[in-house]
Amino acid sequence: MQKLTPVLAVLGISTLSIGISACSIDVRGEGAVTREEKRFVVSGQADLNLHTFDGSIQVKSWDKDEVLVEIERRGSDQKAAEALVVNMSQEGNRIVVDAPAPSDRRDGIHIGSWQSPSVSLIVTAPRKVSVDARTGDGSISADDLAGTVGLSSGDGSIRAHHIEGSLRARLMPLAASRPTRATAQSS
């Protein structure tokens, strides 16, 4: 029995340490992020249709005849982030970027660490542009654009600065008790 006691003690400590190491809690909730970019050449005024189920959208201008779309996918892990679909197409000067909600999206209350999936877009386009930008849950900003600009958010702020032409901003709060905010500034 005396020879067995040290072996049992080692086994007990090993089992305890394995049990402790198997139980980890990630309180940071960072998840994984993947980034990519796509460029579209345009001749004349670009017509942008931008949509994401969850995530921010930023539209700004530059003096090039191309549209740069920077995509940031966020998921609970690398595989989940890479699985988020972003459909992109171009027909003439019309560019469509659509990030539909994942079919396996988990809504509701989550216990433990969990990163809600999202797709954010940063779009840089020629200043003369037509924009229809919609997000289900996220902020939208539009800066230094000339043309028809439509911005719609289901749950987030909308900011528009230095817009020449037509501006339509629509806030569709998911809950009436949540504050929503829209600001516009013209030069």
N, C-alpha and C. Protein backbone atom coordinates (compact mmCIF):
# COMPACT_ATOMS: atom_id res chain seq x y z
N MET A 1 0.82 -1.20 0.00
CA MET A 1 0.00 0.00 0.00
C MET A 1 0.86 1.25 0.00
N GLN A 2 2.03 1.19 0.68
CA GLN A 2 2.88 2.36 0.72
C GLN A 2 3.42 2.71 -0.67
N LYS A 3 3.71 1.72 -1.51
CA LYS A 3 4.20 1.99 -2.85
C LYS A 3 3.09 2.55 -3.73
N LEU A 4 1.89 2.21 -3.42
CA LEU A 4 0.75 2.65 -4.21
C LEU A 4 0.34 4.10 -3.90
N THR A 5 0.58 4.57 -2.68
CA THR A 5 0.16 5.90 -2.26
C THR A 5 0.79 7.00 -3.12
N PRO A 6 2.13 7.00 -3.39
CA PRO A 6 2.69 8.05 -4.25
C PRO A 6 2.11 7.99 -5.67
N VAL A 7 1.87 6.81 -6.19
CA VAL A 7 1.30 6.69 -7.53
C VAL A 7 -0.10 7.27 -7.57
N LEU A 8 -0.91 6.96 -6.55
CA LEU A 8 -2.26 7.51 -6.48
C LEU A 8 -2.23 9.03 -6.33
N ALA A 9 -1.28 9.54 -5.55
CA ALA A 9 -1.16 10.98 -5.36
C ALA A 9 -0.82 11.66 -6.69
N VAL A 10 0.11 11.08 -7.45
CA VAL A 10 0.48 11.64 -8.75
C VAL A 10 -0.71 11.57 -9.70
N LEU A 11 -1.40 10.44 -9.71
CA LEU A 11 -2.58 10.32 -10.57
C LEU A 11 -3.65 11.32 -10.18
N GLY A 12 -3.85 11.53 -8.90
CA GLY A 12 -4.85 12.48 -8.43
C GLY A 12 -4.50 13.90 -8.84
N ILE A 13 -3.23 14.28 -8.68
CA ILE A 13 -2.79 15.62 -9.07
C ILE A 13 -2.89 15.77 -10.59
N SER A 14 -2.51 14.74 -11.33
CA SER A 14 -2.59 14.79 -12.80
C SER A 14 -4.04 14.95 -13.25
N THR A 15 -4.93 14.20 -12.64
CA THR A 15 -6.35 14.28 -12.99
C THR A 15 -6.89 15.66 -12.66
N LEU A 16 -6.49 16.20 -11.51
CA LEU A 16 -6.93 17.53 -11.11
C LEU A 16 -6.43 18.58 -12.10
N SER A 17 -5.15 18.51 -12.49
CA SER A 17 -4.62 19.51 -13.42
C SER A 17 -5.23 19.37 -14.81
N ILE A 18 -5.51 18.14 -15.24
CA ILE A 18 -6.18 17.95 -16.53
C ILE A 18 -7.57 18.52 -16.48
N GLY A 19 -8.27 18.29 -15.40
CA GLY A 19 -9.62 18.83 -15.24
C GLY A 19 -9.63 20.34 -15.23
N ILE A 20 -8.64 20.95 -14.57
CA ILE A 20 -8.56 22.40 -14.52
C ILE A 20 -8.23 22.97 -15.89
N SER A 21 -7.27 22.35 -16.60
CA SER A 21 -6.87 22.90 -17.89
C SER A 21 -7.96 22.70 -18.96
N ALA A 22 -8.80 21.70 -18.80
CA ALA A 22 -9.86 21.47 -19.78
C ALA A 22 -10.99 22.47 -19.64
N CYS A 23 -11.04 23.15 -18.53
CA CYS A 23 -12.10 24.12 -18.29
C CYS A 23 -11.51 25.52 -18.41
N SER A 24 -11.58 26.09 -19.61
CA SER A 24 -11.07 27.45 -19.80
C SER A 24 -12.21 28.36 -20.23
N ILE A 25 -12.14 29.57 -19.76
CA ILE A 25 -13.17 30.55 -20.08
C ILE A 25 -12.48 31.74 -20.73
N ASP A 26 -12.91 32.06 -21.94
CA ASP A 26 -12.37 33.21 -22.66
C ASP A 26 -13.28 34.39 -22.39
N VAL A 27 -12.83 35.28 -21.51
CA VAL A 27 -13.66 36.44 -21.16
C VAL A 27 -13.40 37.61 -22.09
N ARG A 28 -12.40 37.52 -22.94
CA ARG A 28 -12.12 38.61 -23.86
C ARG A 28 -13.16 38.69 -24.96
N GLY A 29 -13.62 37.56 -25.45
CA GLY A 29 -14.65 37.54 -26.49
C GLY A 29 -14.20 38.15 -27.81
N GLU A 30 -12.93 38.08 -28.11
CA GLU A 30 -12.41 38.71 -29.32
C GLU A 30 -12.78 37.95 -30.59
N GLY A 31 -12.79 36.64 -30.56
CA GLY A 31 -13.08 35.87 -31.76
C GLY A 31 -11.98 36.03 -32.78
N ALA A 32 -12.31 35.82 -34.02
CA ALA A 32 -11.34 35.90 -35.12
C ALA A 32 -11.81 36.90 -36.16
N VAL A 33 -10.85 37.51 -36.84
CA VAL A 33 -11.14 38.50 -37.87
C VAL A 33 -10.37 38.14 -39.13
N THR A 34 -11.06 38.20 -40.27
CA THR A 34 -10.38 38.05 -41.57
C THR A 34 -10.65 39.32 -42.37
N ARG A 35 -9.66 39.72 -43.16
CA ARG A 35 -9.79 40.93 -43.97
C ARG A 35 -9.45 40.63 -45.41
N GLU A 36 -10.15 41.30 -46.31
CA GLU A 36 -9.83 41.21 -47.73
C GLU A 36 -10.27 42.51 -48.39
N GLU A 37 -9.75 42.75 -49.59
CA GLU A 37 -10.19 43.92 -50.33
C GLU A 37 -10.38 43.56 -51.79
N LYS A 38 -11.27 44.34 -52.42
CA LYS A 38 -11.60 44.13 -53.83
C LYS A 38 -11.70 45.51 -54.48
N ARG A 39 -11.16 45.61 -55.71
CA ARG A 39 -11.19 46.87 -56.45
C ARG A 39 -12.06 46.72 -57.70
N PHE A 40 -12.85 47.76 -57.98
CA PHE A 40 -13.70 47.80 -59.17
C PHE A 40 -13.39 49.08 -59.94
N VAL A 41 -13.10 48.97 -61.23
CA VAL A 41 -12.86 50.14 -62.08
C VAL A 41 -14.20 50.65 -62.58
N VAL A 42 -14.39 51.98 -62.52
CA VAL A 42 -15.62 52.61 -63.00
C VAL A 42 -15.28 53.73 -63.96
N SER A 43 -16.22 54.05 -64.84
CA SER A 43 -16.06 55.20 -65.73
C SER A 43 -17.31 56.06 -65.57
N GLY A 44 -17.16 57.16 -64.91
CA GLY A 44 -18.33 57.99 -64.61
C GLY A 44 -18.78 57.76 -63.18
N GLN A 45 -20.03 58.13 -62.90
CA GLN A 45 -20.57 58.05 -61.55
C GLN A 45 -20.82 56.60 -61.15
N ALA A 46 -20.26 56.20 -60.02
CA ALA A 46 -20.47 54.85 -59.49
C ALA A 46 -21.84 54.78 -58.82
N ASP A 47 -22.47 53.61 -58.91
CA ASP A 47 -23.76 53.33 -58.29
C ASP A 47 -23.53 52.17 -57.32
N LEU A 48 -23.50 52.48 -56.02
CA LEU A 48 -23.15 51.48 -55.00
C LEU A 48 -24.38 51.01 -54.25
N ASN A 49 -24.53 49.69 -54.14
CA ASN A 49 -25.57 49.08 -53.32
C ASN A 49 -24.84 48.21 -52.30
N LEU A 50 -24.85 48.65 -51.03
CA LEU A 50 -24.08 48.00 -49.97
C LEU A 50 -25.03 47.50 -48.90
N HIS A 51 -24.88 46.23 -48.52
CA HIS A 51 -25.75 45.66 -47.49
C HIS A 51 -24.97 44.68 -46.63
N THR A 52 -25.16 44.77 -45.32
CA THR A 52 -24.63 43.77 -44.40
C THR A 52 -25.67 43.49 -43.32
N PHE A 53 -25.76 42.24 -42.92
CA PHE A 53 -26.73 41.85 -41.89
C PHE A 53 -26.35 42.42 -40.53
N ASP A 54 -25.06 42.57 -40.26
CA ASP A 54 -24.57 43.04 -38.98
C ASP A 54 -23.15 43.55 -39.19
N GLY A 55 -22.91 44.80 -38.87
CA GLY A 55 -21.58 45.38 -39.03
C GLY A 55 -21.69 46.81 -39.50
N SER A 56 -20.60 47.54 -39.36
CA SER A 56 -20.60 48.94 -39.77
C SER A 56 -20.32 49.08 -41.26
N ILE A 57 -20.73 50.23 -41.80
CA ILE A 57 -20.44 50.58 -43.19
C ILE A 57 -19.89 52.01 -43.19
N GLN A 58 -18.76 52.18 -43.83
CA GLN A 58 -18.16 53.50 -43.97
C GLN A 58 -17.95 53.75 -45.46
N VAL A 59 -18.44 54.90 -45.96
CA VAL A 59 -18.27 55.27 -47.36
C VAL A 59 -17.56 56.62 -47.39
N LYS A 60 -16.46 56.69 -48.13
CA LYS A 60 -15.69 57.92 -48.25
C LYS A 60 -15.21 58.07 -49.69
N SER A 61 -14.70 59.25 -50.02
CA SER A 61 -14.34 59.50 -51.42
C SER A 61 -12.83 59.66 -51.60
N TRP A 62 -12.44 59.51 -52.86
CA TRP A 62 -11.09 59.80 -53.31
C TRP A 62 -11.15 60.22 -54.76
N ASP A 63 -10.01 60.56 -55.35
CA ASP A 63 -10.02 61.07 -56.73
C ASP A 63 -9.54 60.04 -57.74
N LYS A 64 -9.94 58.81 -57.59
CA LYS A 64 -9.60 57.74 -58.52
C LYS A 64 -10.87 57.22 -59.19
N ASP A 65 -10.73 56.67 -60.39
CA ASP A 65 -11.86 56.07 -61.11
C ASP A 65 -12.00 54.59 -60.75
N GLU A 66 -11.99 54.32 -59.48
CA GLU A 66 -12.18 52.95 -59.00
C GLU A 66 -12.81 52.98 -57.63
N VAL A 67 -13.41 51.84 -57.28
CA VAL A 67 -14.04 51.68 -55.97
C VAL A 67 -13.26 50.60 -55.24
N LEU A 68 -12.84 50.92 -54.03
CA LEU A 68 -12.13 49.97 -53.18
C LEU A 68 -13.09 49.53 -52.08
N VAL A 69 -13.29 48.22 -51.96
CA VAL A 69 -14.14 47.67 -50.91
C VAL A 69 -13.26 46.86 -49.98
N GLU A 70 -13.18 47.30 -48.72
CA GLU A 70 -12.43 46.58 -47.69
C GLU A 70 -13.45 45.84 -46.82
N ILE A 71 -13.24 44.55 -46.67
CA ILE A 71 -14.20 43.70 -45.96
C ILE A 71 -13.54 43.14 -44.71
N GLU A 72 -14.25 43.26 -43.59
CA GLU A 72 -13.78 42.69 -42.33
C GLU A 72 -14.85 41.73 -41.80
N ARG A 73 -14.51 40.44 -41.80
CA ARG A 73 -15.42 39.41 -41.29
C ARG A 73 -15.01 39.06 -39.86
N ARG A 74 -15.98 39.01 -38.95
CA ARG A 74 -15.73 38.63 -37.56
C ARG A 74 -16.57 37.42 -37.20
N GLY A 75 -15.93 36.45 -36.55
CA GLY A 75 -16.64 35.26 -36.10
C GLY A 75 -16.06 34.75 -34.79
N SER A 76 -16.68 33.74 -34.25
CA SER A 76 -16.23 33.19 -32.97
C SER A 76 -14.86 32.54 -33.09
N ASP A 77 -14.52 32.04 -34.27
CA ASP A 77 -13.20 31.48 -34.53
C ASP A 77 -12.86 31.70 -36.01
N GLN A 78 -11.68 31.29 -36.41
CA GLN A 78 -11.22 31.53 -37.79
C GLN A 78 -12.17 30.90 -38.81
N LYS A 79 -12.58 29.67 -38.54
CA LYS A 79 -13.47 28.95 -39.47
C LYS A 79 -14.81 29.70 -39.62
N ALA A 80 -15.34 30.18 -38.50
CA ALA A 80 -16.62 30.91 -38.53
C ALA A 80 -16.49 32.23 -39.29
N ALA A 81 -15.37 32.93 -39.10
CA ALA A 81 -15.15 34.19 -39.80
C ALA A 81 -15.01 33.96 -41.31
N GLU A 82 -14.26 32.94 -41.69
CA GLU A 82 -14.07 32.64 -43.11
C GLU A 82 -15.35 32.14 -43.78
N ALA A 83 -16.26 31.58 -43.01
CA ALA A 83 -17.51 31.04 -43.57
C ALA A 83 -18.54 32.13 -43.89
N LEU A 84 -18.33 33.35 -43.38
CA LEU A 84 -19.28 34.43 -43.66
C LEU A 84 -19.21 34.80 -45.14
N VAL A 85 -20.36 34.80 -45.79
CA VAL A 85 -20.44 35.02 -47.23
C VAL A 85 -20.57 36.51 -47.55
N VAL A 86 -19.80 36.95 -48.54
CA VAL A 86 -19.95 38.30 -49.08
C VAL A 86 -20.03 38.16 -50.59
N ASN A 87 -21.19 38.51 -51.15
CA ASN A 87 -21.40 38.45 -52.60
C ASN A 87 -21.08 39.81 -53.19
N MET A 88 -20.25 39.84 -54.22
CA MET A 88 -19.89 41.09 -54.88
C MET A 88 -20.06 40.93 -56.38
N SER A 89 -20.62 41.98 -57.02
CA SER A 89 -20.78 41.95 -58.47
C SER A 89 -20.68 43.36 -59.03
N GLN A 90 -20.35 43.43 -60.32
CA GLN A 90 -20.29 44.70 -61.01
C GLN A 90 -20.90 44.55 -62.39
N GLU A 91 -21.82 45.46 -62.73
CA GLU A 91 -22.40 45.57 -64.07
C GLU A 91 -22.26 47.02 -64.47
N GLY A 92 -21.31 47.32 -65.34
CA GLY A 92 -21.03 48.71 -65.70
C GLY A 92 -20.52 49.45 -64.48
N ASN A 93 -21.19 50.55 -64.13
CA ASN A 93 -20.80 51.34 -62.95
C ASN A 93 -21.57 50.94 -61.69
N ARG A 94 -22.46 49.94 -61.81
CA ARG A 94 -23.24 49.48 -60.65
C ARG A 94 -22.47 48.37 -59.93
N ILE A 95 -22.21 48.61 -58.65
CA ILE A 95 -21.48 47.64 -57.82
C ILE A 95 -22.37 47.24 -56.65
N VAL A 96 -22.53 45.94 -56.48
CA VAL A 96 -23.35 45.40 -55.40
C VAL A 96 -22.46 44.59 -54.46
N VAL A 97 -22.53 44.92 -53.17
CA VAL A 97 -21.83 44.16 -52.13
C VAL A 97 -22.89 43.76 -51.12
N ASP A 98 -23.10 42.45 -50.97
CA ASP A 98 -24.16 41.94 -50.10
C ASP A 98 -23.60 40.88 -49.16
N ALA A 99 -23.73 41.12 -47.86
CA ALA A 99 -23.31 40.15 -46.83
C ALA A 99 -24.58 39.67 -46.11
N PRO A 100 -25.17 38.56 -46.58
CA PRO A 100 -26.39 38.05 -45.94
C PRO A 100 -26.09 37.39 -44.60
N ALA A 101 -27.09 37.34 -43.75
CA ALA A 101 -26.93 36.68 -42.45
C ALA A 101 -26.62 35.20 -42.65
N PRO A 102 -25.72 34.66 -41.85
CA PRO A 102 -25.42 33.23 -41.99
C PRO A 102 -26.64 32.38 -41.65
N SER A 103 -26.78 31.26 -42.34
CA SER A 103 -27.96 30.40 -42.12
C SER A 103 -27.95 29.78 -40.74
N ASP A 104 -26.79 29.64 -40.13
CA ASP A 104 -26.70 29.03 -38.80
C ASP A 104 -26.56 30.08 -37.69
N ARG A 105 -27.00 31.31 -37.96
CA ARG A 105 -26.87 32.40 -36.99
C ARG A 105 -27.64 32.05 -35.71
N ARG A 106 -26.96 32.26 -34.59
CA ARG A 106 -27.57 31.98 -33.29
C ARG A 106 -27.98 33.29 -32.64
N ASP A 107 -29.28 33.52 -32.55
CA ASP A 107 -29.79 34.70 -31.87
C ASP A 107 -30.22 34.31 -30.47
N GLY A 108 -30.30 35.27 -29.59
CA GLY A 108 -30.79 35.01 -28.24
C GLY A 108 -29.71 35.22 -27.20
N ILE A 109 -29.87 34.58 -26.06
CA ILE A 109 -28.96 34.73 -24.93
C ILE A 109 -27.88 33.66 -25.02
N HIS A 110 -26.64 34.09 -24.78
CA HIS A 110 -25.50 33.18 -24.85
C HIS A 110 -24.75 33.21 -23.52
N ILE A 111 -24.42 32.05 -23.00
CA ILE A 111 -23.67 31.94 -21.77
C ILE A 111 -22.24 31.61 -22.13
N GLY A 112 -21.31 32.32 -21.52
CA GLY A 112 -19.90 32.11 -21.85
C GLY A 112 -19.47 33.07 -22.94
N SER A 113 -18.30 32.85 -23.44
CA SER A 113 -17.75 33.74 -24.46
C SER A 113 -18.28 33.35 -25.83
N TRP A 114 -18.75 34.35 -26.57
CA TRP A 114 -19.25 34.09 -27.91
C TRP A 114 -19.15 35.37 -28.71
N GLN A 115 -18.58 35.31 -29.87
CA GLN A 115 -18.44 36.46 -30.76
C GLN A 115 -19.56 36.42 -31.78
N SER A 116 -20.40 37.43 -31.74
CA SER A 116 -21.48 37.53 -32.72
C SER A 116 -20.86 37.73 -34.10
N PRO A 117 -21.32 37.00 -35.11
CA PRO A 117 -20.76 37.19 -36.45
C PRO A 117 -21.15 38.55 -37.02
N SER A 118 -20.23 39.13 -37.78
CA SER A 118 -20.52 40.41 -38.43
C SER A 118 -19.61 40.58 -39.64
N VAL A 119 -20.06 41.42 -40.56
CA VAL A 119 -19.26 41.79 -41.73
C VAL A 119 -19.33 43.32 -41.83
N SER A 120 -18.18 43.96 -41.70
CA SER A 120 -18.09 45.42 -41.83
C SER A 120 -17.46 45.78 -43.17
N LEU A 121 -17.88 46.92 -43.72
CA LEU A 121 -17.41 47.37 -45.03
C LEU A 121 -16.84 48.77 -44.94
N ILE A 122 -15.68 48.98 -45.54
CA ILE A 122 -15.12 50.31 -45.74
C ILE A 122 -15.00 50.48 -47.24
N VAL A 123 -15.74 51.45 -47.79
CA VAL A 123 -15.80 51.63 -49.24
C VAL A 123 -15.27 53.02 -49.59
N THR A 124 -14.30 53.05 -50.49
CA THR A 124 -13.75 54.31 -50.98
C THR A 124 -14.09 54.39 -52.46
N ALA A 125 -14.74 55.48 -52.86
CA ALA A 125 -15.27 55.60 -54.22
C ALA A 125 -15.02 57.01 -54.76
N PRO A 126 -15.21 57.20 -56.06
CA PRO A 126 -15.15 58.58 -56.58
C PRO A 126 -16.18 59.45 -55.88
N ARG A 127 -15.90 60.74 -55.76
CA ARG A 127 -16.77 61.64 -55.01
C ARG A 127 -18.19 61.68 -55.57
N LYS A 128 -18.33 61.69 -56.91
CA LYS A 128 -19.66 61.68 -57.53
C LYS A 128 -20.14 60.24 -57.55
N VAL A 129 -21.17 59.98 -56.72
CA VAL A 129 -21.59 58.61 -56.51
C VAL A 129 -23.06 58.55 -56.11
N SER A 130 -23.67 57.43 -56.39
CA SER A 130 -25.01 57.12 -55.88
C SER A 130 -24.81 55.97 -54.89
N VAL A 131 -25.32 56.12 -53.67
CA VAL A 131 -25.10 55.11 -52.62
C VAL A 131 -26.41 54.70 -51.98
N ASP A 132 -26.59 53.39 -51.83
CA ASP A 132 -27.66 52.83 -51.00
C ASP A 132 -26.96 51.89 -50.04
N ALA A 133 -26.78 52.32 -48.78
CA ALA A 133 -26.06 51.53 -47.78
C ALA A 133 -27.03 51.14 -46.66
N ARG A 134 -27.09 49.82 -46.37
CA ARG A 134 -28.01 49.31 -45.35
C ARG A 134 -27.29 48.31 -44.45
N THR A 135 -27.48 48.45 -43.14
CA THR A 135 -26.98 47.46 -42.19
C THR A 135 -28.09 47.12 -41.20
N GLY A 136 -28.17 45.86 -40.86
CA GLY A 136 -29.17 45.43 -39.89
C GLY A 136 -28.81 45.83 -38.48
N ASP A 137 -27.52 45.90 -38.19
CA ASP A 137 -27.07 46.20 -36.84
C ASP A 137 -25.65 46.76 -36.92
N GLY A 138 -25.54 48.08 -36.96
CA GLY A 138 -24.23 48.70 -37.03
C GLY A 138 -24.34 50.16 -37.42
N SER A 139 -23.25 50.87 -37.26
CA SER A 139 -23.24 52.29 -37.62
C SER A 139 -22.92 52.46 -39.09
N ILE A 140 -23.31 53.62 -39.63
CA ILE A 140 -23.00 53.97 -41.01
C ILE A 140 -22.44 55.39 -41.02
N SER A 141 -21.37 55.58 -41.78
CA SER A 141 -20.86 56.94 -41.97
C SER A 141 -20.61 57.17 -43.45
N ALA A 142 -20.88 58.40 -43.89
CA ALA A 142 -20.66 58.80 -45.28
C ALA A 142 -19.97 60.15 -45.23
N ASP A 143 -18.84 60.27 -45.94
CA ASP A 143 -18.04 61.49 -45.89
C ASP A 143 -17.64 61.95 -47.28
N ASP A 144 -17.84 63.27 -47.54
CA ASP A 144 -17.36 63.94 -48.73
C ASP A 144 -17.84 63.27 -50.02
N LEU A 145 -19.17 63.19 -50.18
CA LEU A 145 -19.78 62.57 -51.36
C LEU A 145 -20.69 63.57 -52.06
N ALA A 146 -20.85 63.40 -53.36
CA ALA A 146 -21.76 64.25 -54.14
C ALA A 146 -22.65 63.33 -54.98
N GLY A 147 -23.96 63.41 -54.75
CA GLY A 147 -24.90 62.56 -55.47
C GLY A 147 -26.07 62.20 -54.60
N THR A 148 -26.67 61.07 -54.88
CA THR A 148 -27.80 60.57 -54.09
C THR A 148 -27.26 59.57 -53.08
N VAL A 149 -27.49 59.88 -51.79
CA VAL A 149 -26.95 59.04 -50.71
C VAL A 149 -28.10 58.58 -49.83
N GLY A 150 -28.29 57.26 -49.73
CA GLY A 150 -29.29 56.66 -48.87
C GLY A 150 -28.61 55.79 -47.83
N LEU A 151 -28.90 56.04 -46.56
CA LEU A 151 -28.27 55.31 -45.45
C LEU A 151 -29.35 54.78 -44.53
N SER A 152 -29.28 53.50 -44.18
CA SER A 152 -30.31 52.88 -43.35
C SER A 152 -29.67 51.90 -42.37
N SER A 153 -29.99 52.06 -41.08
CA SER A 153 -29.46 51.18 -40.04
C SER A 153 -30.59 50.68 -39.15
N GLY A 154 -30.58 49.39 -38.87
CA GLY A 154 -31.57 48.80 -37.98
C GLY A 154 -31.25 49.05 -36.52
N ASP A 155 -30.00 49.28 -36.19
CA ASP A 155 -29.61 49.49 -34.80
C ASP A 155 -28.20 50.07 -34.77
N GLY A 156 -28.08 51.35 -34.97
CA GLY A 156 -26.78 52.00 -34.95
C GLY A 156 -26.90 53.45 -35.35
N SER A 157 -25.83 54.17 -35.19
CA SER A 157 -25.84 55.59 -35.53
C SER A 157 -25.58 55.78 -37.02
N ILE A 158 -26.00 56.94 -37.53
CA ILE A 158 -25.75 57.33 -38.91
C ILE A 158 -25.10 58.70 -38.88
N ARG A 159 -23.97 58.83 -39.56
CA ARG A 159 -23.26 60.10 -39.64
C ARG A 159 -23.00 60.42 -41.10
N ALA A 160 -23.31 61.65 -41.50
CA ALA A 160 -23.05 62.10 -42.87
C ALA A 160 -22.39 63.47 -42.80
N HIS A 161 -21.24 63.61 -43.44
CA HIS A 161 -20.49 64.86 -43.43
C HIS A 161 -20.14 65.25 -44.86
N HIS A 162 -20.34 66.52 -45.18
CA HIS A 162 -19.97 67.08 -46.49
C HIS A 162 -20.63 66.31 -47.64
N ILE A 163 -21.94 66.25 -47.61
CA ILE A 163 -22.72 65.59 -48.66
C ILE A 163 -23.35 66.66 -49.54
N GLU A 164 -23.11 66.60 -50.85
CA GLU A 164 -23.76 67.48 -51.80
C GLU A 164 -24.76 66.66 -52.59
N GLY A 165 -26.00 67.13 -52.66
CA GLY A 165 -27.03 66.39 -53.38
C GLY A 165 -28.11 65.94 -52.43
N SER A 166 -28.64 64.76 -52.67
CA SER A 166 -29.75 64.23 -51.90
C SER A 166 -29.25 63.27 -50.81
N LEU A 167 -29.74 63.48 -49.59
CA LEU A 167 -29.39 62.60 -48.47
C LEU A 167 -30.65 62.07 -47.83
N ARG A 168 -30.75 60.75 -47.72
CA ARG A 168 -31.86 60.09 -47.02
C ARG A 168 -31.25 59.19 -45.96
N ALA A 169 -31.60 59.44 -44.69
CA ALA A 169 -31.11 58.62 -43.59
C ALA A 169 -32.31 58.03 -42.86
N ARG A 170 -32.24 56.74 -42.62
CA ARG A 170 -33.36 56.06 -41.97
C ARG A 170 -32.84 55.18 -40.83
N LEU A 171 -33.37 55.44 -39.62
CA LEU A 171 -33.04 54.62 -38.46
C LEU A 171 -34.23 53.73 -38.17
N MET A 172 -33.98 52.46 -38.07
CA MET A 172 -35.04 51.50 -37.77
C MET A 172 -34.67 50.78 -36.49
N PRO A 173 -34.91 51.39 -35.32
CA PRO A 173 -34.49 50.77 -34.07
C PRO A 173 -35.18 49.44 -33.85
N LEU A 174 -34.39 48.47 -33.36
CA LEU A 174 -34.93 47.15 -33.06
C LEU A 174 -35.79 47.18 -31.82
N ALA A 175 -35.47 48.07 -30.90
CA ALA A 175 -36.25 48.21 -29.68
C ALA A 175 -36.53 49.69 -29.46
N ALA A 176 -37.77 50.03 -29.16
CA ALA A 176 -38.16 51.43 -29.01
C ALA A 176 -37.41 52.11 -27.87
N SER A 177 -36.94 51.35 -26.88
CA SER A 177 -36.26 51.95 -25.74
C SER A 177 -34.80 52.27 -26.02
N ARG A 178 -34.26 51.77 -27.14
CA ARG A 178 -32.86 52.05 -27.46
C ARG A 178 -32.74 53.41 -28.14
N PRO A 179 -31.75 54.20 -27.70
CA PRO A 179 -31.57 55.49 -28.38
C PRO A 179 -30.93 55.31 -29.75
N THR A 180 -31.36 56.11 -30.71
CA THR A 180 -30.75 56.10 -32.03
C THR A 180 -30.29 57.51 -32.33
N ARG A 181 -29.31 57.63 -33.23
CA ARG A 181 -28.75 58.94 -33.49
C ARG A 181 -28.38 59.08 -34.95
N ALA A 182 -28.75 60.19 -35.52
CA ALA A 182 -28.33 60.51 -36.89
C ALA A 182 -27.81 61.94 -36.90
N THR A 183 -26.69 62.16 -37.56
CA THR A 183 -26.16 63.51 -37.70
C THR A 183 -25.82 63.75 -39.15
N ALA A 184 -25.99 64.99 -39.58
CA ALA A 184 -25.62 65.36 -40.95
C ALA A 184 -24.95 66.71 -40.91
N GLN A 185 -23.90 66.87 -41.69
CA GLN A 185 -23.20 68.13 -41.76
C GLN A 185 -22.87 68.39 -43.22
N SER A 186 -23.21 69.56 -43.69
CA SER A 186 -22.94 69.94 -45.08
C SER A 186 -21.95 71.09 -45.10
N SER A 187 -21.17 71.15 -46.16
CA SER A 187 -20.17 72.23 -46.23
C SER A 187 -20.76 73.54 -46.64
